[in-house]
Structure formats: structure tokens, C-alpha cells
PDB file of N, CA and C in Angstrom:
ATOM      1  N   MET A   1     108.879 108.440 103.233  1.00  0.00           N
ATOM      2  CA  MET A   1     110.187 108.658 103.877  1.00  0.00           C
ATOM      3  C   MET A   1     110.602 109.834 103.459  1.00  0.00           C
ATOM      4  N   ILE A   2     111.140 110.829 104.442  1.00  0.00           N
ATOM      5  CA  ILE A   2     111.570 112.183 104.311  1.00  0.00           C
ATOM      6  C   ILE A   2     112.915 112.154 103.441  1.00  0.00           C
ATOM      7  N   ALA A   3     113.766 111.238 103.598  1.00  0.00           N
ATOM      8  CA  ALA A   3     115.043 111.322 102.860  1.00  0.00           C
ATOM      9  C   ALA A   3     114.867 110.995 101.327  1.00  0.00           C
ATOM     10  N   VAL A   4     113.962 110.239 101.038  1.00  0.00           N
ATOM     11  CA  VAL A   4     113.700 110.059  99.706  1.00  0.00           C
ATOM     12  C   VAL A   4     113.073 111.269  98.986  1.00  0.00           C
ATOM     13  N   VAL A   5     112.112 111.924  99.680  1.00  0.00           N
ATOM     14  CA  VAL A   5     111.481 113.199  99.049  1.00  0.00           C
ATOM     15  C   VAL A   5     112.489 114.127  99.004  1.00  0.00           C
ATOM     16  N   ILE A   6     113.412 114.469  99.866  1.00  0.00           N
ATOM     17  CA  ILE A   6     114.531 115.422  99.889  1.00  0.00           C
ATOM     18  C   ILE A   6     115.428 115.091  98.735  1.00  0.00           C
ATOM     19  N   ALA A   7     115.766 113.922  98.761  1.00  0.00           N
ATOM     20  CA  ALA A   7     116.842 113.445  97.618  1.00  0.00           C
ATOM     21  C   ALA A   7     116.349 113.614  96.254  1.00  0.00           C
ATOM     22  N   VAL A   8     114.963 113.306  96.066  1.00  0.00           N
ATOM     23  CA  VAL A   8     114.181 113.703  94.738  1.00  0.00           C
ATOM     24  C   VAL A   8     114.171 115.111  94.313  1.00  0.00           C
ATOM     25  N   VAL A   9     113.862 115.799  95.411  1.00  0.00           N
ATOM     26  CA  VAL A   9     113.800 117.441  95.182  1.00  0.00           C
ATOM     27  C   VAL A   9     115.045 117.952  94.788  1.00  0.00           C
ATOM     28  N   LEU A  10     116.084 117.383  95.495  1.00  0.00           N
ATOM     29  CA  LEU A  10     117.342 117.938  95.049  1.00  0.00           C
ATOM     30  C   LEU A  10     117.930 117.580  93.668  1.00  0.00           C
ATOM     31  N   VAL A  11     117.500 116.181  93.400  1.00  0.00           N
ATOM     32  CA  VAL A  11     117.844 115.803  91.968  1.00  0.00           C
ATOM     33  C   VAL A  11     116.972 116.621  91.015  1.00  0.00           C
ATOM     34  N   LEU A  12     115.749 116.796  91.164  1.00  0.00           N
ATOM     35  CA  LEU A  12     114.776 117.607  90.322  1.00  0.00           C
ATOM     36  C   LEU A  12     115.362 119.036  90.077  1.00  0.00           C
ATOM     37  N   ILE A  13     115.846 119.734  91.255  1.00  0.00           N
ATOM     38  CA  ILE A  13     116.299 121.069  91.236  1.00  0.00           C
ATOM     39  C   ILE A  13     117.686 120.983  90.283  1.00  0.00           C
ATOM     40  N   GLY A  14     118.489 120.191  90.601  1.00  0.00           N
ATOM     41  CA  GLY A  14     119.753 120.116  89.788  1.00  0.00           C
ATOM     42  C   GLY A  14     119.558 119.785  88.448  1.00  0.00           C
ATOM     43  N   PHE A  15     118.558 119.031  88.040  1.00  0.00           N
ATOM     44  CA  PHE A  15     118.358 118.743  86.647  1.00  0.00           C
ATOM     45  C   PHE A  15     117.584 119.927  85.854  1.00  0.00           C
ATOM     46  N   TYR A  16     116.913 120.642  86.607  1.00  0.00           N
ATOM     47  CA  TYR A  16     116.313 121.859  86.074  1.00  0.00           C
ATOM     48  C   TYR A  16     117.186 122.930  85.982  1.00  0.00           C
ATOM     49  N   PHE A  17     118.044 123.131  86.662  1.00  0.00           N
ATOM     50  CA  PHE A  17     119.016 124.270  86.581  1.00  0.00           C
ATOM     51  C   PHE A  17     120.279 123.999  85.857  1.00  0.00           C
ATOM     52  N   HIS A  18     120.777 122.755  85.962  1.00  0.00           N
ATOM     53  CA  HIS A  18     122.086 122.529  85.387  1.00  0.00           C
ATOM     54  C   HIS A  18     121.943 121.134  84.570  1.00  0.00           C
ATOM     55  N   PHE A  19     121.087 121.035  83.608  1.00  0.00           N
ATOM     56  CA  PHE A  19     120.701 119.918  82.878  1.00  0.00           C
ATOM     57  C   PHE A  19     121.978 119.421  81.920  1.00  0.00           C
ATOM     58  N   THR A  20     122.418 120.412  81.438  1.00  0.00           N
ATOM     59  CA  THR A  20     123.491 120.120  80.380  1.00  0.00           C
ATOM     60  C   THR A  20     124.814 119.577  81.147  1.00  0.00           C
ATOM     61  N   GLN A  21     124.958 120.123  82.310  1.00  0.00           N
ATOM     62  CA  GLN A  21     126.327 119.744  83.109  1.00  0.00           C
ATOM     63  C   GLN A  21     126.040 118.389  83.906  1.00  0.00           C
ATOM     64  N   TRP A  22     124.752 117.898  83.995  1.00  0.00           N
ATOM     65  CA  TRP A  22     124.612 116.813  84.900  1.00  0.00           C
ATOM     66  C   TRP A  22     124.572 115.507  84.387  1.00  0.00           C
ATOM     67  N   ILE A  23     125.013 115.390  83.074  1.00  0.00           N
ATOM     68  CA  ILE A  23     125.131 114.044  82.535  1.00  0.00           C
ATOM     69  C   ILE A  23     126.794 113.617  82.724  1.00  0.00           C
ATOM     70  N   GLU A  24     127.045 113.505  84.134  1.00  0.00           N
ATOM     71  CA  GLU A  24     128.339 113.044  84.470  1.00  0.00           C
ATOM     72  C   GLU A  24     128.343 111.712  85.253  1.00  0.00           C
ATOM     73  N   LYS A  25     129.464 111.043  85.275  1.00  0.00           N
ATOM     74  CA  LYS A  25     129.452 109.882  86.106  1.00  0.00           C
ATOM     75  C   LYS A  25     129.305 110.210  87.638  1.00  0.00           C
ATOM     76  N   ARG A  26     129.974 111.159  88.150  1.00  0.00           N
ATOM     77  CA  ARG A  26     129.838 111.376  89.427  1.00  0.00           C
ATOM     78  C   ARG A  26     128.594 111.729  90.054  1.00  0.00           C
ATOM     79  N   VAL A  27     127.620 112.311  89.274  1.00  0.00           N
ATOM     80  CA  VAL A  27     126.173 112.625  89.579  1.00  0.00           C
ATOM     81  C   VAL A  27     125.522 111.361  89.574  1.00  0.00           C
ATOM     82  N   LEU A  28     125.685 110.630  88.613  1.00  0.00           N
ATOM     83  CA  LEU A  28     124.925 109.282  88.510  1.00  0.00           C
ATOM     84  C   LEU A  28     125.337 108.408  89.637  1.00  0.00           C
ATOM     85  N   ILE A  29     126.590 108.309  90.017  1.00  0.00           N
ATOM     86  CA  ILE A  29     127.016 107.500  91.191  1.00  0.00           C
ATOM     87  C   ILE A  29     126.505 107.969  92.363  1.00  0.00           C
ATOM     88  N   ALA A  30     126.411 109.295  92.540  1.00  0.00           N
ATOM     89  CA  ALA A  30     126.005 110.021  93.867  1.00  0.00           C
ATOM     90  C   ALA A  30     124.370 109.533  94.072  1.00  0.00           C
ATOM     91  N   ILE A  31     123.698 109.658  92.808  1.00  0.00           N
ATOM     92  CA  ILE A  31     122.137 109.453  92.851  1.00  0.00           C
ATOM     93  C   ILE A  31     122.059 107.851  93.202  1.00  0.00           C
ATOM     94  N   ALA A  32     122.831 107.119  92.601  1.00  0.00           N
ATOM     95  CA  ALA A  32     122.639 105.619  92.837  1.00  0.00           C
ATOM     96  C   ALA A  32     123.096 105.306  94.311  1.00  0.00           C
ATOM     97  N   LEU A  33     124.014 105.884  94.845  1.00  0.00           N
ATOM     98  CA  LEU A  33     124.480 105.679  96.298  1.00  0.00           C
ATOM     99  C   LEU A  33     123.404 106.189  97.209  1.00  0.00           C
ATOM    100  N   MET A  34     122.745 107.244  96.982  1.00  0.00           N
ATOM    101  CA  MET A  34     121.741 107.721  97.711  1.00  0.00           C
ATOM    102  C   MET A  34     120.596 106.982  97.712  1.00  0.00           C
ATOM    103  N   LEU A  35     120.203 106.549  96.473  1.00  0.00           N
ATOM    104  CA  LEU A  35     118.971 105.669  96.261  1.00  0.00           C
ATOM    105  C   LEU A  35     119.253 104.274  97.141  1.00  0.00           C
ATOM    106  N   LEU A  36     120.317 103.813  96.978  1.00  0.00           N
ATOM    107  CA  LEU A  36     120.728 102.634  97.831  1.00  0.00           C
ATOM    108  C   LEU A  36     120.673 102.894  99.268  1.00  0.00           C
ATOM    109  N   TYR A  37     121.177 103.983  99.749  1.00  0.00           N
ATOM    110  CA  TYR A  37     121.065 104.360 101.179  1.00  0.00           C
ATOM    111  C   TYR A  37     119.673 104.449 101.530  1.00  0.00           C
ATOM    112  N   CYS A  38     118.847 105.109 100.785  1.00  0.00           N
ATOM    113  CA  CYS A  38     117.429 105.272 101.277  1.00  0.00           C
ATOM    114  C   CYS A  38     116.847 103.998 101.255  1.00  0.00           C
ATOM    115  N   VAL A  39     117.018 103.088 100.138  1.00  0.00           N
ATOM    116  CA  VAL A  39     116.278 101.831 100.267  1.00  0.00           C
ATOM    117  C   VAL A  39     116.671 101.067 101.450  1.00  0.00           C
ATOM    118  N   SER A  40     117.898 100.862 101.767  1.00  0.00           N
ATOM    119  CA  SER A  40     118.392 100.136 102.877  1.00  0.00           C
ATOM    120  C   SER A  40     117.945 100.756 104.120  1.00  0.00           C
ATOM    121  N   TYR A  41     118.027 102.137 104.241  1.00  0.00           N
ATOM    122  CA  TYR A  41     117.500 102.728 105.417  1.00  0.00           C
ATOM    123  C   TYR A  41     116.022 102.550 105.836  1.00  0.00           C
ATOM    124  N   GLY A  42     115.368 102.739 104.656  1.00  0.00           N
ATOM    125  CA  GLY A  42     113.775 102.355 104.900  1.00  0.00           C
ATOM    126  C   GLY A  42     113.449 100.930 105.088  1.00  0.00           C
ATOM    127  N   TYR A  43     114.133  99.987 104.666  1.00  0.00           N
ATOM    128  CA  TYR A  43     113.873  98.826 104.758  1.00  0.00           C
ATOM    129  C   TYR A  43     114.426  98.031 106.191  1.00  0.00           C
ATOM    130  N   PHE A  44     115.480  98.636 106.604  1.00  0.00           N
ATOM    131  CA  PHE A  44     116.059  97.954 107.683  1.00  0.00           C
ATOM    132  C   PHE A  44     115.975  98.961 109.042  1.00  0.00           C
ATOM    133  N   SER A  45     115.193 100.058 109.017  1.00  0.00           N
ATOM    134  CA  SER A  45     115.425 100.869 110.138  1.00  0.00           C
ATOM    135  C   SER A  45     114.425 100.225 111.265  1.00  0.00           C
ATOM    136  N   PRO A  46     114.934 100.415 112.525  1.00  0.00           N
ATOM    137  CA  PRO A  46     114.590  99.782 113.690  1.00  0.00           C
ATOM    138  C   PRO A  46     113.065 100.444 114.235  1.00  0.00           C
ATOM    139  N   GLU A  47     112.444  99.702 114.908  1.00  0.00           N
ATOM    140  CA  GLU A  47     111.119 100.039 115.372  1.00  0.00           C
ATOM    141  C   GLU A  47     111.013 100.365 116.774  1.00  0.00           C
ATOM    142  N   ASP A  48     112.204 100.060 117.558  1.00  0.00           N
ATOM    143  CA  ASP A  48     112.147 100.352 118.946  1.00  0.00           C
ATOM    144  C   ASP A  48     112.449 101.607 119.271  1.00  0.00           C
ATOM    145  N   ARG A  49     111.940 102.157 120.476  1.00  0.00           N
ATOM    146  CA  ARG A  49     112.024 103.537 120.907  1.00  0.00           C
ATOM    147  C   ARG A  49     113.327 104.027 121.300  1.00  0.00           C
ATOM    148  N   ALA A  50     114.341 103.063 121.607  1.00  0.00           N
ATOM    149  CA  ALA A  50     115.561 103.384 122.063  1.00  0.00           C
ATOM    150  C   ALA A  50     116.469 103.976 120.976  1.00  0.00           C
ATOM    151  N   THR A  51     116.380 103.431 119.696  1.00  0.00           N
ATOM    152  CA  THR A  51     117.108 103.979 118.654  1.00  0.00           C
ATOM    153  C   THR A  51     116.407 104.988 117.808  1.00  0.00           C
ATOM    154  N   GLN A  52     115.150 105.458 118.143  1.00  0.00           N
ATOM    155  CA  GLN A  52     114.453 106.376 117.386  1.00  0.00           C
ATOM    156  C   GLN A  52     115.014 107.792 117.618  1.00  0.00           C
ATOM    157  N   ARG A  53     115.765 108.113 118.449  1.00  0.00           N
ATOM    158  CA  ARG A  53     116.388 109.369 118.755  1.00  0.00           C
ATOM    159  C   ARG A  53     117.546 109.445 117.738  1.00  0.00           C
ATOM    160  N   LEU A  54     118.134 108.520 117.224  1.00  0.00           N
ATOM    161  CA  LEU A  54     119.125 108.651 116.320  1.00  0.00           C
ATOM    162  C   LEU A  54     118.719 108.761 114.885  1.00  0.00           C
ATOM    163  N   MET A  55     117.409 108.632 114.626  1.00  0.00           N
ATOM    164  CA  MET A  55     116.994 108.475 113.298  1.00  0.00           C
ATOM    165  C   MET A  55     117.079 109.824 112.499  1.00  0.00           C
ATOM    166  N   PRO A  56     116.861 111.042 113.155  1.00  0.00           N
ATOM    167  CA  PRO A  56     117.077 112.232 112.192  1.00  0.00           C
ATOM    168  C   PRO A  56     118.608 112.326 111.751  1.00  0.00           C
ATOM    169  N   LEU A  57     119.512 111.831 112.512  1.00  0.00           N
ATOM    170  CA  LEU A  57     120.996 111.874 111.960  1.00  0.00           C
ATOM    171  C   LEU A  57     121.103 111.119 110.817  1.00  0.00           C
ATOM    172  N   PHE A  58     120.517 109.887 110.774  1.00  0.00           N
ATOM    173  CA  PHE A  58     120.406 109.064 109.594  1.00  0.00           C
ATOM    174  C   PHE A  58     119.707 109.495 108.335  1.00  0.00           C
ATOM    175  N   VAL A  59     119.009 110.574 108.590  1.00  0.00           N
ATOM    176  CA  VAL A  59     118.279 111.180 107.385  1.00  0.00           C
ATOM    177  C   VAL A  59     118.819 112.644 106.960  1.00  0.00           C
ATOM    178  N   MET A  60     119.283 113.476 107.727  1.00  0.00           N
ATOM    179  CA  MET A  60     119.805 114.699 107.482  1.00  0.00           C
ATOM    180  C   MET A  60     121.296 114.734 107.105  1.00  0.00           C
ATOM    181  N   LEU A  61     121.981 114.002 107.683  1.00  0.00           N
ATOM    182  CA  LEU A  61     123.421 113.979 107.285  1.00  0.00           C
ATOM    183  C   LEU A  61     123.721 113.517 106.027  1.00  0.00           C
ATOM    184  N   PRO A  62     123.051 112.368 105.613  1.00  0.00           N
ATOM    185  CA  PRO A  62     123.361 111.928 104.178  1.00  0.00           C
ATOM    186  C   PRO A  62     122.662 112.894 103.292  1.00  0.00           C
ATOM    187  N   THR A  63     121.497 113.460 103.533  1.00  0.00           N
ATOM    188  CA  THR A  63     121.077 114.497 102.418  1.00  0.00           C
ATOM    189  C   THR A  63     121.946 115.811 102.430  1.00  0.00           C
ATOM    190  N   ALA A  64     122.636 116.132 103.466  1.00  0.00           N
ATOM    191  CA  ALA A  64     123.589 117.214 103.376  1.00  0.00           C
ATOM    192  C   ALA A  64     124.827 116.892 102.576  1.00  0.00           C
ATOM    193  N   SER A  65     125.052 115.762 102.698  1.00  0.00           N
ATOM    194  CA  SER A  65     126.386 115.219 101.988  1.00  0.00           C
ATOM    195  C   SER A  65     126.054 115.055 100.393  1.00  0.00           C
ATOM    196  N   PHE A  66     124.842 114.710 100.250  1.00  0.00           N
ATOM    197  CA  PHE A  66     124.328 114.554  98.792  1.00  0.00           C
ATOM    198  C   PHE A  66     124.183 115.940  98.188  1.00  0.00           C
ATOM    199  N   ALA A  67     123.780 116.738  99.024  1.00  0.00           N
ATOM    200  CA  ALA A  67     123.615 118.175  98.446  1.00  0.00           C
ATOM    201  C   ALA A  67     124.993 118.802  98.165  1.00  0.00           C
ATOM    202  N   ALA A  68     125.927 118.454  99.109  1.00  0.00           N
ATOM    203  CA  ALA A  68     127.379 119.016  98.855  1.00  0.00           C
ATOM    204  C   ALA A  68     127.841 118.294  97.510  1.00  0.00           C
ATOM    205  N   ILE A  69     127.617 117.129  97.316  1.00  0.00           N
ATOM    206  CA  ILE A  69     128.111 116.586  96.020  1.00  0.00           C
ATOM    207  C   ILE A  69     127.367 117.094  94.638  1.00  0.00           C
ATOM    208  N   LEU A  70     126.055 117.422  94.899  1.00  0.00           N
ATOM    209  CA  LEU A  70     125.329 117.815  93.743  1.00  0.00           C
ATOM    210  C   LEU A  70     125.448 119.409  93.432  1.00  0.00           C
ATOM    211  N   PHE A  71     125.587 120.042  94.531  1.00  0.00           N
ATOM    212  CA  PHE A  71     125.700 121.521  94.484  1.00  0.00           C
ATOM    213  C   PHE A  71     126.969 122.065  95.153  1.00  0.00           C
ATOM    214  N   PRO A  72     128.175 121.870  94.831  1.00  0.00           N
ATOM    215  CA  PRO A  72     129.346 122.313  95.398  1.00  0.00           C
ATOM    216  C   PRO A  72     129.654 123.762  95.332  1.00  0.00           C
ATOM    217  N   GLN A  73     128.911 124.265  94.349  1.00  0.00           N
ATOM    218  CA  GLN A  73     129.120 125.905  94.255  1.00  0.00           C
ATOM    219  C   GLN A  73     128.451 126.756  95.191  1.00  0.00           C
ATOM    220  N   PHE A  74     127.529 126.119  96.142  1.00  0.00           N
ATOM    221  CA  PHE A  74     127.063 126.941  97.140  1.00  0.00           C
ATOM    222  C   PHE A  74     127.864 127.336  98.354  1.00  0.00           C
ATOM    223  N   ASN A  75     129.050 126.425  98.471  1.00  0.00           N
ATOM    224  CA  ASN A  75     129.925 126.711  99.580  1.00  0.00           C
ATOM    225  C   ASN A  75     131.049 127.621  98.893  1.00  0.00           C
ATOM    226  N   GLN A  76     130.983 128.888  99.361  1.00  0.00           N
ATOM    227  CA  GLN A  76     131.740 129.904  98.881  1.00  0.00           C
ATOM    228  C   GLN A  76     133.194 129.944  99.437  1.00  0.00           C
ATOM    229  N   LYS A  77     133.342 129.262 100.568  1.00  0.00           N
ATOM    230  CA  LYS A  77     134.555 129.510 101.298  1.00  0.00           C
ATOM    231  C   LYS A  77     135.536 128.434 100.927  1.00  0.00           C
ATOM    232  N   LEU A  78     135.120 127.305 100.228  1.00  0.00           N
ATOM    233  CA  LEU A  78     136.171 126.178  99.895  1.00  0.00           C
ATOM    234  C   LEU A  78     135.884 126.002  98.296  1.00  0.00           C
ATOM    235  N   PRO A  79     136.884 125.561  97.653  1.00  0.00           N
ATOM    236  CA  PRO A  79     136.798 125.167  96.288  1.00  0.00           C
ATOM    237  C   PRO A  79     135.785 123.995  96.005  1.00  0.00           C
ATOM    238  N   GLU A  80     135.292 123.953  94.939  1.00  0.00           N
ATOM    239  CA  GLU A  80     134.152 122.788  94.551  1.00  0.00           C
ATOM    240  C   GLU A  80     134.692 121.489  94.666  1.00  0.00           C
ATOM    241  N   LYS A  81     135.920 121.241  94.299  1.00  0.00           N
ATOM    242  CA  LYS A  81     136.465 119.856  94.527  1.00  0.00           C
ATOM    243  C   LYS A  81     136.689 119.347  95.936  1.00  0.00           C
ATOM    244  N   ILE A  82     136.917 120.370  96.816  1.00  0.00           N
ATOM    245  CA  ILE A  82     136.894 120.036  98.279  1.00  0.00           C
ATOM    246  C   ILE A  82     135.664 119.758  98.863  1.00  0.00           C
ATOM    247  N   THR A  83     134.690 120.665  98.352  1.00  0.00           N
ATOM    248  CA  THR A  83     133.301 120.434  98.912  1.00  0.00           C
ATOM    249  C   THR A  83     132.744 119.202  98.464  1.00  0.00           C
ATOM    250  N   GLN A  84     133.124 118.810  97.150  1.00  0.00           N
ATOM    251  CA  GLN A  84     132.637 117.504  96.633  1.00  0.00           C
ATOM    252  C   GLN A  84     133.324 116.277  97.501  1.00  0.00           C
ATOM    253  N   ALA A  85     134.483 116.454  97.718  1.00  0.00           N
ATOM    254  CA  ALA A  85     135.228 115.501  98.491  1.00  0.00           C
ATOM    255  C   ALA A  85     134.671 115.257  99.772  1.00  0.00           C
ATOM    256  N   PHE A  86     134.291 116.314 100.643  1.00  0.00           N
ATOM    257  CA  PHE A  86     133.679 116.247 101.855  1.00  0.00           C
ATOM    258  C   PHE A  86     132.277 115.613 101.629  1.00  0.00           C
ATOM    259  N   GLY A  87     131.482 115.945 100.643  1.00  0.00           N
ATOM    260  CA  GLY A  87     130.287 115.152 100.313  1.00  0.00           C
ATOM    261  C   GLY A  87     130.342 113.835 100.262  1.00  0.00           C
ATOM    262  N   TRP A  88     131.383 113.360  99.267  1.00  0.00           N
ATOM    263  CA  TRP A  88     131.692 111.904  99.246  1.00  0.00           C
ATOM    264  C   TRP A  88     131.972 111.253 100.473  1.00  0.00           C
ATOM    265  N   PHE A  89     132.906 111.919 101.231  1.00  0.00           N
ATOM    266  CA  PHE A  89     133.310 111.362 102.566  1.00  0.00           C
ATOM    267  C   PHE A  89     132.158 111.059 103.447  1.00  0.00           C
ATOM    268  N   GLY A  90     131.381 112.082 103.461  1.00  0.00           N
ATOM    269  CA  GLY A  90     130.226 111.983 104.447  1.00  0.00           C
ATOM    270  C   GLY A  90     129.084 111.041 104.009  1.00  0.00           C
ATOM    271  N   LEU A  91     128.954 110.921 102.596  1.00  0.00           N
ATOM    272  CA  LEU A  91     127.874 109.924 102.150  1.00  0.00           C
ATOM    273  C   LEU A  91     128.360 108.561 102.282  1.00  0.00           C
ATOM    274  N   ILE A  92     129.673 108.320 101.836  1.00  0.00           N
ATOM    275  CA  ILE A  92     130.338 106.854 102.008  1.00  0.00           C
ATOM    276  C   ILE A  92     130.366 106.490 103.456  1.00  0.00           C
ATOM    277  N   SER A  93     131.079 107.333 104.433  1.00  0.00           N
ATOM    278  CA  SER A  93     130.963 107.042 105.737  1.00  0.00           C
ATOM    279  C   SER A  93     129.794 106.764 106.412  1.00  0.00           C
ATOM    280  N   LEU A  94     128.800 107.524 106.038  1.00  0.00           N
ATOM    281  CA  LEU A  94     127.408 107.443 106.639  1.00  0.00           C
ATOM    282  C   LEU A  94     126.758 105.933 106.119  1.00  0.00           C
ATOM    283  N   SER A  95     126.984 105.602 104.934  1.00  0.00           N
ATOM    284  CA  SER A  95     126.635 104.502 104.491  1.00  0.00           C
ATOM    285  C   SER A  95     127.257 103.312 105.031  1.00  0.00           C
ATOM    286  N   MET A  96     128.583 103.353 105.365  1.00  0.00           N
ATOM    287  CA  MET A  96     129.246 102.298 106.084  1.00  0.00           C
ATOM    288  C   MET A  96     128.727 102.149 107.582  1.00  0.00           C
ATOM    289  N   ILE A  97     128.487 103.350 108.225  1.00  0.00           N
ATOM    290  CA  ILE A  97     127.810 103.241 109.600  1.00  0.00           C
ATOM    291  C   ILE A  97     126.519 102.731 109.616  1.00  0.00           C
ATOM    292  N   LEU A  98     125.682 102.906 108.629  1.00  0.00           N
ATOM    293  CA  LEU A  98     124.324 102.356 108.497  1.00  0.00           C
ATOM    294  C   LEU A  98     124.398 100.879 108.255  1.00  0.00           C
ATOM    295  N   LEU A  99     125.321 100.531 107.385  1.00  0.00           N
ATOM    296  CA  LEU A  99     125.748  98.961 107.141  1.00  0.00           C
ATOM    297  C   LEU A  99     126.117  98.302 108.533  1.00  0.00           C
ATOM    298  N   MET A 100     126.995  98.890 109.333  1.00  0.00           N
ATOM    299  CA  MET A 100     127.406  98.454 110.515  1.00  0.00           C
ATOM    300  C   MET A 100     126.223  98.215 111.463  1.00  0.00           C
ATOM    301  N   PHE A 101     125.292  99.338 111.559  1.00  0.00           N
ATOM    302  CA  PHE A 101     124.161  99.212 112.550  1.00  0.00           C
ATOM    303  C   PHE A 101     123.194  98.011 111.983  1.00  0.00           C
ATOM    304  N   ILE A 102     123.091  97.963 110.750  1.00  0.00           N
ATOM    305  CA  ILE A 102     122.049  96.984 110.111  1.00  0.00           C
ATOM    306  C   ILE A 102     122.672  95.656 110.538  1.00  0.00           C
ATOM    307  N   LEU A 103     124.102  95.313 110.295  1.00  0.00           N
ATOM    308  CA  LEU A 103     124.642  94.022 110.498  1.00  0.00           C
ATOM    309  C   LEU A 103     124.648  93.586 112.029  1.00  0.00           C
ATOM    310  N   PHE A 104     125.236  94.648 112.889  1.00  0.00           N
ATOM    311  CA  PHE A 104     125.402  94.301 114.200  1.00  0.00           C
ATOM    312  C   PHE A 104     124.410  94.804 115.348  1.00  0.00           C
ATOM    313  N   VAL A 105     123.841  95.871 115.037  1.00  0.00           N
ATOM    314  CA  VAL A 105     123.052  96.503 116.160  1.00  0.00           C
ATOM    315  C   VAL A 105     121.571  96.014 116.116  1.00  0.00           C
ATOM    316  N   TRP A 106     121.001  96.383 114.818  1.00  0.00           N
ATOM    317  CA  TRP A 106     119.578  96.091 114.697  1.00  0.00           C
ATOM    318  C   TRP A 106     119.266  94.781 114.326  1.00  0.00           C
TER     319      TRP A 106
END
């Protein structure tokens, strides 16, 4: 699954470049939430063709939010705290949307 590969690559890059700064609670919580998202997406993703067009949204948007949490310094226009807040909002809201799809649609 592509989301797991992208998440693992992002975590490895982050640990490689910022190892001393990465032993923080926010990073570990983000990794755990992304792992939970990838497991639930991989286990409960639908097989029908009608919802297959939405699948790239369920992969790319959470990884972009995850990258915003892990690497907020890449956004030069906004402060790091705001970039992280947008990343948390995106990851949590997409997790809730996935949960709603799992419970009520798929």
C-alpha cells in the first residue's frame, strides 16, 4: 500500500535529519495516528469500482497532512505552529471521514 510506504519514508527522513528533536510526544502521536489510519484504510477499503475513484484522496491527503506535522519548517509563508495545526486538523478530520465511510457507506 502506497500510504504506508510514503509514511515510512517520511518518518525515516525525519529521523535521519532531525533525530535529536524527534523524541517528542507530538511526533510519536502523529506516527501512531498515521499507522492507525493506514491499517484501517488497508483493512476496510472497498473493492467496488464506484468508490475506487475516491481512493487517491484517501491516500494523498493524509500523507500531506502527516508531512505538515512532521516537517512544518518547509512552509515558508506560515509559522510552524500554524502549519502543524493545519496538519493535525487534516489528519484528524480525514481519519473521522474514513471512520464514517467505514461505518456507514462501505
